[in-house]
C-alpha atoms as a PDB file:
ATOM      1  CA  MET A   1      -0.590   8.772   7.208  1.00  0.00           C
ATOM      2  CA  MET A   2      -0.711  11.408   4.500  1.00  0.00           C
ATOM      3  CA  GLU A   3       0.625  14.876   5.177  1.00  0.00           C
ATOM      4  CA  PRO A   4      -1.734  17.800   4.556  1.00  0.00           C
ATOM      5  CA  VAL A   5      -0.483  19.164   1.237  1.00  0.00           C
ATOM      6  CA  ALA A   6      -3.348  21.180  -0.224  1.00  0.00           C
ATOM      7  CA  SER A   7      -2.671  24.919  -0.305  1.00  0.00           C
ATOM      8  CA  TYR A   8      -5.598  26.992  -1.527  1.00  0.00           C
ATOM      9  CA  LEU A   9      -4.509  29.793  -3.770  1.00  0.00           C
ATOM     10  CA  LEU A  10      -6.481  32.677  -2.362  1.00  0.00           C
ATOM     11  CA  GLU A  11      -4.052  35.455  -3.265  1.00  0.00           C
ATOM     12  CA  GLU A  12      -5.123  36.956  -6.584  1.00  0.00           C
ATOM     13  CA  LYS A  13      -1.799  36.766  -8.444  1.00  0.00           C
ATOM     14  CA  GLN A  14      -1.155  33.172  -7.380  1.00  0.00           C
ATOM     15  CA  ARG A  15      -4.617  32.088  -8.431  1.00  0.00           C
ATOM     16  CA  ALA A  16      -4.339  33.892 -11.761  1.00  0.00           C
ATOM     17  CA  ALA A  17      -0.985  32.206 -12.476  1.00  0.00           C
ATOM     18  CA  ALA A  18      -2.433  28.789 -11.607  1.00  0.00           C
ATOM     19  CA  VAL A  19      -5.479  29.296 -13.817  1.00  0.00           C
ATOM     20  CA  ASP A  20      -3.253  30.422 -16.691  1.00  0.00           C
ATOM     21  CA  TYR A  21      -1.174  27.251 -16.353  1.00  0.00           C
ATOM     22  CA  MET A  22      -4.283  25.055 -16.232  1.00  0.00           C
ATOM     23  CA  MET A  23      -5.638  26.703 -19.367  1.00  0.00           C
ATOM     24  CA  GLN A  24      -2.309  26.144 -21.145  1.00  0.00           C
ATOM     25  CA  GLN A  25      -2.448  22.456 -20.204  1.00  0.00           C
ATOM     26  CA  LEU A  26      -6.008  22.138 -21.473  1.00  0.00           C
ATOM     27  CA  GLY A  27      -5.069  23.884 -24.711  1.00  0.00           C
ATOM     28  CA  SER A  28      -2.271  21.345 -25.256  1.00  0.00           C
ATOM     29  CA  GLY A  29      -4.552  18.381 -24.602  1.00  0.00           C
ATOM     30  CA  LYS A  30      -6.877  16.307 -26.731  1.00  0.00           C
ATOM     31  CA  THR A  31     -10.597  16.577 -27.469  1.00  0.00           C
ATOM     32  CA  LEU A  32     -11.872  16.484 -23.892  1.00  0.00           C
ATOM     33  CA  ALA A  33      -9.227  18.928 -22.662  1.00  0.00           C
ATOM     34  CA  LYS A  34     -10.173  21.462 -25.338  1.00  0.00           C
ATOM     35  CA  LEU A  35     -13.882  21.048 -24.540  1.00  0.00           C
ATOM     36  CA  LEU A  36     -13.133  21.684 -20.862  1.00  0.00           C
ATOM     37  CA  LEU A  37     -11.183  24.808 -21.841  1.00  0.00           C
ATOM     38  CA  GLU A  38     -14.288  26.088 -23.623  1.00  0.00           C
ATOM     39  CA  THR A  39     -16.754  25.305 -20.835  1.00  0.00           C
ATOM     40  CA  VAL A  40     -15.067  25.582 -17.421  1.00  0.00           C
ATOM     41  CA  ASP A  41     -15.641  28.959 -15.765  1.00  0.00           C
ATOM     42  CA  PHE A  42     -12.387  29.559 -13.900  1.00  0.00           C
ATOM     43  CA  GLU A  43     -13.758  32.810 -12.479  1.00  0.00           C
ATOM     44  CA  ARG A  44     -15.733  30.601 -10.120  1.00  0.00           C
ATOM     45  CA  GLY A  45     -14.631  28.024  -7.594  1.00  0.00           C
ATOM     46  CA  THR A  46     -11.380  27.321  -5.766  1.00  0.00           C
ATOM     47  CA  VAL A  47      -7.943  26.418  -7.056  1.00  0.00           C
ATOM     48  CA  ALA A  48      -5.566  24.333  -4.945  1.00  0.00           C
ATOM     49  CA  ILE A  49      -2.072  22.866  -5.110  1.00  0.00           C
ATOM     50  CA  LEU A  50      -1.474  19.212  -4.293  1.00  0.00           C
ATOM     51  CA  ASN A  51       2.216  18.570  -3.728  1.00  0.00           C
ATOM     52  CA  VAL A  52       4.203  16.470  -1.250  1.00  0.00           C
ATOM     53  CA  VAL A  53       7.195  18.823  -1.472  1.00  0.00           C
ATOM     54  CA  GLN A  54       7.283  22.046   0.536  1.00  0.00           C
ATOM     55  CA  LEU A  55       7.071  25.032  -1.815  1.00  0.00           C
ATOM     56  CA  SER A  56       7.878  28.672  -1.263  1.00  0.00           C
ATOM     57  CA  GLU A  57       5.523  31.326  -2.637  1.00  0.00           C
ATOM     58  CA  THR A  58       7.820  31.750  -5.638  1.00  0.00           C
ATOM     59  CA  GLN A  59       8.097  27.996  -6.239  1.00  0.00           C
ATOM     60  CA  MET A  60       4.315  27.620  -6.140  1.00  0.00           C
ATOM     61  CA  ARG A  61       4.136  29.555  -9.408  1.00  0.00           C
ATOM     62  CA  GLU A  62       6.895  27.534 -11.096  1.00  0.00           C
ATOM     63  CA  PHE A  63       4.460  24.888 -12.281  1.00  0.00           C
ATOM     64  CA  ASN A  64       6.796  23.226 -14.791  1.00  0.00           C
ATOM     65  CA  TRP A  65       9.543  22.477 -12.284  1.00  0.00           C
ATOM     66  CA  GLY A  66       9.818  19.568  -9.849  1.00  0.00           C
ATOM     67  CA  ARG A  67      11.453  19.899  -6.437  1.00  0.00           C
ATOM     68  CA  GLY A  68      12.216  16.205  -5.772  1.00  0.00           C
ATOM     69  CA  PRO A  69      13.610  13.637  -5.483  1.00  0.00           C
ATOM     70  CA  LEU A  70      13.087  12.898  -1.811  1.00  0.00           C
ATOM     71  CA  ALA A  71      16.538  11.780  -0.703  1.00  0.00           C
ATOM     72  CA  GLN A  72      15.301   9.818   2.308  1.00  0.00           C
ATOM     73  CA  SER A  73      13.444   7.414   0.014  1.00  0.00           C
ATOM     74  CA  ALA A  74      16.529   6.315  -1.946  1.00  0.00           C
ATOM     75  CA  GLN A  75      16.897   2.591  -2.465  1.00  0.00           C
ATOM     76  CA  TYR A  76      19.037   0.148  -4.408  1.00  0.00           C
ATOM     77  CA  ILE A  77      17.597  -1.442  -7.530  1.00  0.00           C
ATOM     78  CA  GLU A  78      19.136  -4.071  -9.807  1.00  0.00           C
ATOM     79  CA  ILE A  79      19.505  -3.560 -13.555  1.00  0.00           C
ATOM     80  CA  GLN A  80      21.112  -6.418 -15.482  1.00  0.00           C
ATOM     81  CA  TRP A  81      22.463  -7.808 -12.189  1.00  0.00           C
ATOM     82  CA  GLN A  82      24.171  -4.512 -11.317  1.00  0.00           C
ATOM     83  CA  PRO A  83      23.092  -2.481  -8.245  1.00  0.00           C
ATOM     84  CA  PHE A  84      22.165   1.182  -8.701  1.00  0.00           C
ATOM     85  CA  LEU A  85      21.047   3.728  -6.141  1.00  0.00           C
ATOM     86  CA  ALA A  86      17.630   5.050  -7.220  1.00  0.00           C
ATOM     87  CA  TYR A  87      15.840   8.164  -6.011  1.00  0.00           C
ATOM     88  CA  PRO A  88      12.110   7.821  -6.666  1.00  0.00           C
ATOM     89  CA  THR A  89      10.538  11.126  -7.601  1.00  0.00           C
ATOM     90  CA  ALA A  90       7.925  12.606  -5.336  1.00  0.00           C
ATOM     91  CA  ASN A  91       4.298  12.215  -6.350  1.00  0.00           C
ATOM     92  CA  SER A  92       0.894  13.104  -4.992  1.00  0.00           C
ATOM     93  CA  TYR A  93      -1.138  10.093  -6.152  1.00  0.00           C
ATOM     94  CA  GLU A  94      -2.623   9.539  -2.705  1.00  0.00           C
ATOM     95  CA  HIS A  95      -3.766  13.129  -2.444  1.00  0.00           C
ATOM     96  CA  VAL A  96      -5.422  13.414  -5.846  1.00  0.00           C
ATOM     97  CA  THR A  97      -6.937   9.966  -5.181  1.00  0.00           C
ATOM     98  CA  GLU A  98      -8.683  11.527  -2.179  1.00  0.00           C
ATOM     99  CA  VAL A  99     -10.018  14.327  -4.391  1.00  0.00           C
ATOM    100  CA  ILE A 100     -11.430  11.864  -6.928  1.00  0.00           C
ATOM    101  CA  TYR A 101     -12.761   9.556  -4.209  1.00  0.00           C
ATOM    102  CA  SER A 102     -14.793  12.332  -2.602  1.00  0.00           C
ATOM    103  CA  SER A 103     -15.969  13.642  -5.986  1.00  0.00           C
ATOM    104  CA  LEU A 104     -17.372  10.243  -7.021  1.00  0.00           C
ATOM    105  CA  GLU A 105     -19.660   9.916  -4.007  1.00  0.00           C
ATOM    106  CA  ASP A 106     -22.656  10.849  -6.183  1.00  0.00           C
ATOM    107  CA  PRO A 107     -23.591   7.754  -8.253  1.00  0.00           C
ATOM    108  CA  GLN A 108     -24.348  10.019 -11.224  1.00  0.00           C
ATOM    109  CA  CYS A 109     -20.736  11.227 -11.404  1.00  0.00           C
ATOM    110  CA  VAL A 110     -17.958   9.945 -13.627  1.00  0.00           C
ATOM    111  CA  CYS A 111     -14.239  10.746 -13.833  1.00  0.00           C
ATOM    112  CA  ILE A 112     -12.420  10.835 -17.178  1.00  0.00           C
ATOM    113  CA  LEU A 113      -8.621  10.911 -17.389  1.00  0.00           C
ATOM    114  CA  GLN A 114      -6.784  11.760 -20.591  1.00  0.00           C
ATOM    115  CA  ASN A 115      -3.870   9.569 -21.675  1.00  0.00           C
ATOM    116  CA  MET A 116      -1.685  11.678 -23.965  1.00  0.00           C
ATOM    117  CA  LEU A 117       0.785   8.926 -24.869  1.00  0.00           C
ATOM    118  CA  ALA A 118      -1.372   5.856 -25.497  1.00  0.00           C
ATOM    119  CA  SER A 119      -2.929   4.739 -28.784  1.00  0.00           C
ATOM    120  CA  PRO A 120      -5.969   2.429 -29.035  1.00  0.00           C
ATOM    121  CA  GLY A 121      -3.882  -0.395 -30.494  1.00  0.00           C
ATOM    122  CA  ASP A 122      -1.261  -0.461 -27.717  1.00  0.00           C
ATOM    123  CA  PRO A 123      -1.028  -4.083 -26.443  1.00  0.00           C
ATOM    124  CA  TRP A 124      -0.672  -3.085 -22.781  1.00  0.00           C
ATOM    125  CA  LEU A 125      -4.191  -1.611 -22.761  1.00  0.00           C
ATOM    126  CA  LYS A 126      -5.583  -5.159 -22.909  1.00  0.00           C
ATOM    127  CA  ARG A 127      -3.903  -5.816 -19.557  1.00  0.00           C
ATOM    128  CA  ALA A 128      -4.862  -2.485 -18.001  1.00  0.00           C
ATOM    129  CA  LYS A 129      -6.356  -2.485 -14.506  1.00  0.00           C
ATOM    130  CA  SER A 130      -8.494   0.530 -15.373  1.00  0.00           C
ATOM    131  CA  ARG A 131     -11.516   1.000 -17.623  1.00  0.00           C
ATOM    132  CA  VAL A 132     -10.170   2.046 -20.995  1.00  0.00           C
ATOM    133  CA  ALA A 133     -12.170   4.258 -23.357  1.00  0.00           C
ATOM    134  CA  THR A 134     -11.363   5.527 -26.829  1.00  0.00           C
ATOM    135  CA  HIS A 135     -12.463   8.466 -28.930  1.00  0.00           C
ATOM    136  CA  GLY A 136     -11.053   7.995 -32.404  1.00  0.00           C
ATOM    137  CA  PRO A 137      -7.257   7.796 -31.957  1.00  0.00           C
ATOM    138  CA  GLU A 138      -7.465   9.092 -28.366  1.00  0.00           C
ATOM    139  CA  VAL A 139      -7.294   7.004 -25.187  1.00  0.00           C
ATOM    140  CA  TYR A 140      -9.016   7.840 -21.919  1.00  0.00           C
ATOM    141  CA  HIS A 141      -9.422   6.048 -18.591  1.00  0.00           C
ATOM    142  CA  ILE A 142     -12.780   6.025 -16.834  1.00  0.00           C
ATOM    143  CA  LEU A 143     -13.849   5.841 -13.180  1.00  0.00           C
ATOM    144  CA  ILE A 144     -17.525   5.516 -12.290  1.00  0.00           C
ATOM    145  CA  SER A 145     -19.187   5.400  -8.878  1.00  0.00           C
ATOM    146  CA  SER A 146     -18.839   1.603  -8.606  1.00  0.00           C
ATOM    147  CA  ASP A 147     -15.042   2.097  -8.949  1.00  0.00           C
ATOM    148  CA  ARG A 148     -14.996   4.256  -5.813  1.00  0.00           C
ATOM    149  CA  ARG A 149     -12.175   2.356  -4.140  1.00  0.00           C
ATOM    150  CA  LYS A 150      -8.869   4.062  -3.429  1.00  0.00           C
ATOM    151  CA  GLU A 151      -6.760   1.228  -4.843  1.00  0.00           C
ATOM    152  CA  LYS A 152      -8.770   1.278  -8.080  1.00  0.00           C
ATOM    153  CA  ILE A 153      -8.485   5.063  -8.375  1.00  0.00           C
ATOM    154  CA  GLU A 154      -4.729   5.041  -7.789  1.00  0.00           C
ATOM    155  CA  ASP A 155      -4.198   2.235 -10.323  1.00  0.00           C
ATOM    156  CA  THR A 156      -6.165   4.252 -12.870  1.00  0.00           C
ATOM    157  CA  LEU A 157      -4.108   7.377 -12.186  1.00  0.00           C
ATOM    158  CA  ARG A 158      -0.852   5.494 -12.667  1.00  0.00           C
ATOM    159  CA  GLU A 159      -1.992   4.066 -16.005  1.00  0.00           C
ATOM    160  CA  ALA A 160      -3.389   7.339 -17.316  1.00  0.00           C
ATOM    161  CA  GLU A 161      -0.828   9.883 -16.214  1.00  0.00           C
ATOM    162  CA  SER A 162       1.715  11.166 -18.700  1.00  0.00           C
ATOM    163  CA  LEU A 163       4.098  14.058 -19.169  1.00  0.00           C
ATOM    164  CA  PRO A 164       4.162  16.840 -20.125  1.00  0.00           C
ATOM    165  CA  VAL A 165       0.331  17.090 -20.185  1.00  0.00           C
ATOM    166  CA  PHE A 166      -2.044  15.275 -17.867  1.00  0.00           C
ATOM    167  CA  VAL A 167      -5.705  16.244 -17.552  1.00  0.00           C
ATOM    168  CA  GLY A 168      -8.580  14.695 -15.615  1.00  0.00           C
ATOM    169  CA  ALA A 169     -12.052  15.840 -14.637  1.00  0.00           C
ATOM    170  CA  VAL A 170     -15.137  14.752 -12.719  1.00  0.00           C
ATOM    171  CA  GLY A 171     -18.604  15.549 -14.034  1.00  0.00           C
ATOM    172  CA  ARG A 172     -22.030  14.000 -14.422  1.00  0.00           C
ATOM    173  CA  GLN A 173     -22.957  11.057 -16.570  1.00  0.00           C
ATOM    174  CA  PRO A 174     -24.333  12.273 -19.908  1.00  0.00           C
ATOM    175  CA  PRO A 175     -27.823  11.128 -20.989  1.00  0.00           C
ATOM    176  CA  ASP A 176     -26.086   8.423 -23.040  1.00  0.00           C
ATOM    177  CA  ARG A 177     -24.292   6.938 -20.049  1.00  0.00           C
ATOM    178  CA  ILE A 178     -20.576   6.172 -20.077  1.00  0.00           C
ATOM    179  CA  ALA A 179     -19.130   2.799 -19.051  1.00  0.00           C
ATOM    180  CA  ASP A 180     -21.970   1.305 -17.047  1.00  0.00           C
ATOM    181  CA  ASP A 181     -20.793  -2.296 -17.418  1.00  0.00           C
ATOM    182  CA  SER A 182     -18.170  -2.510 -20.126  1.00  0.00           C
ATOM    183  CA  GLU A 183     -14.435  -2.598 -19.463  1.00  0.00           C
ATOM    184  CA  HIS A 184     -13.764  -0.939 -22.830  1.00  0.00           C
ATOM    185  CA  VAL A 185     -16.035   1.708 -24.284  1.00  0.00           C
ATOM    186  CA  THR A 186     -16.123   4.164 -27.155  1.00  0.00           C
ATOM    187  CA  LEU A 187     -16.762   7.792 -26.265  1.00  0.00           C
ATOM    188  CA  SER A 188     -18.810   9.886 -28.667  1.00  0.00           C
ATOM    189  CA  LEU A 189     -18.259  13.604 -29.186  1.00  0.00           C
ATOM    190  CA  GLY A 190     -21.737  14.200 -27.762  1.00  0.00           C
ATOM    191  CA  GLN A 191     -20.858  12.346 -24.559  1.00  0.00           C
ATOM    192  CA  LEU A 192     -17.654  14.329 -24.155  1.00  0.00           C
ATOM    193  CA  LYS A 193     -19.435  17.643 -24.735  1.00  0.00           C
ATOM    194  CA  SER A 194     -22.151  16.801 -22.203  1.00  0.00           C
ATOM    195  CA  PHE A 195     -19.580  15.682 -19.658  1.00  0.00           C
ATOM    196  CA  ALA A 196     -17.413  18.791 -20.135  1.00  0.00           C
ATOM    197  CA  LYS A 197     -20.388  21.093 -19.553  1.00  0.00           C
ATOM    198  CA  SER A 198     -21.108  19.351 -16.242  1.00  0.00           C
ATOM    199  CA  ALA A 199     -17.517  19.197 -14.964  1.00  0.00           C
ATOM    200  CA  HIS A 200     -17.248  20.389 -11.373  1.00  0.00           C
ATOM    201  CA  CYS A 201     -13.727  19.179 -10.579  1.00  0.00           C
ATOM    202  CA  LEU A 202     -10.680  19.471 -12.838  1.00  0.00           C
ATOM    203  CA  PHE A 203      -7.060  18.571 -12.209  1.00  0.00           C
ATOM    204  CA  VAL A 204      -3.884  18.878 -14.260  1.00  0.00           C
ATOM    205  CA  GLY A 205      -0.384  17.575 -13.680  1.00  0.00           C
ATOM    206  CA  ALA A 206       2.192  20.060 -12.436  1.00  0.00           C
ATOM    207  CA  TYR A 207       5.692  20.341 -10.988  1.00  0.00           C
ATOM    208  CA  ASP A 208       7.191  17.834 -13.449  1.00  0.00           C
ATOM    209  CA  GLY A 209       4.858  15.052 -12.336  1.00  0.00           C
ATOM    210  CA  GLU A 210       5.258  15.630  -8.611  1.00  0.00           C
ATOM    211  CA  GLY A 211       1.943  17.366  -8.018  1.00  0.00           C
ATOM    212  CA  TYR A 212      -1.329  18.710  -9.373  1.00  0.00           C
ATOM    213  CA  LEU A 213      -3.411  21.833  -9.652  1.00  0.00           C
ATOM    214  CA  VAL A 214      -7.049  21.229  -8.790  1.00  0.00           C
ATOM    215  CA  TRP A 215     -10.051  23.406  -9.660  1.00  0.00           C
ATOM    216  CA  LYS A 216     -13.368  22.803  -7.913  1.00  0.00           C
ATOM    217  CA  ASP A 217     -16.636  24.561  -8.599  1.00  0.00           C
ATOM    218  CA  GLY A 218     -18.478  25.855  -5.569  1.00  0.00           C
END
């Protein structure tokens, strides 16, 4: 069972710090991230933290720092036949999966995740479990309403997420629909602009990959 980890940032200074961090992440991203920076009205909506690690009020604003690993989850792994004690870092995949799952309930919605590290020619993309999309040299991962299964969403998150910048958003399908049937699509600038204008949920990686900041309109 998942622990309740969402903490809404209602205090003005906390919210302002979170919005500033989200805007920095968008400014460091690729085409979609910069379009979202231009169109999302952060004066509206709610901002929340998703993190599996308990954070003090001061730590909440230290968005670049992780607080893991979780010592109780340590386990032995084998590397070249030698045992090593590994401490998996904390992550909030399950919790942001819930956010995306609920946001995709409307069949007209689509989720686009930016992959900062991948290039269109990377061989592993042919074996990806997620829908892969490209825009020039940029790689994105797509979730549409028919992908609204938690296992599918979590697989897509794992393939898309990268450090130090990770950006994803949920908005409405543009008039020229994205990824209706194809497993690999090309995104036009017009599609990205239309999507960015309709975005009603935005999330960025935080806390050194352990958590996320989530903005929701309304």
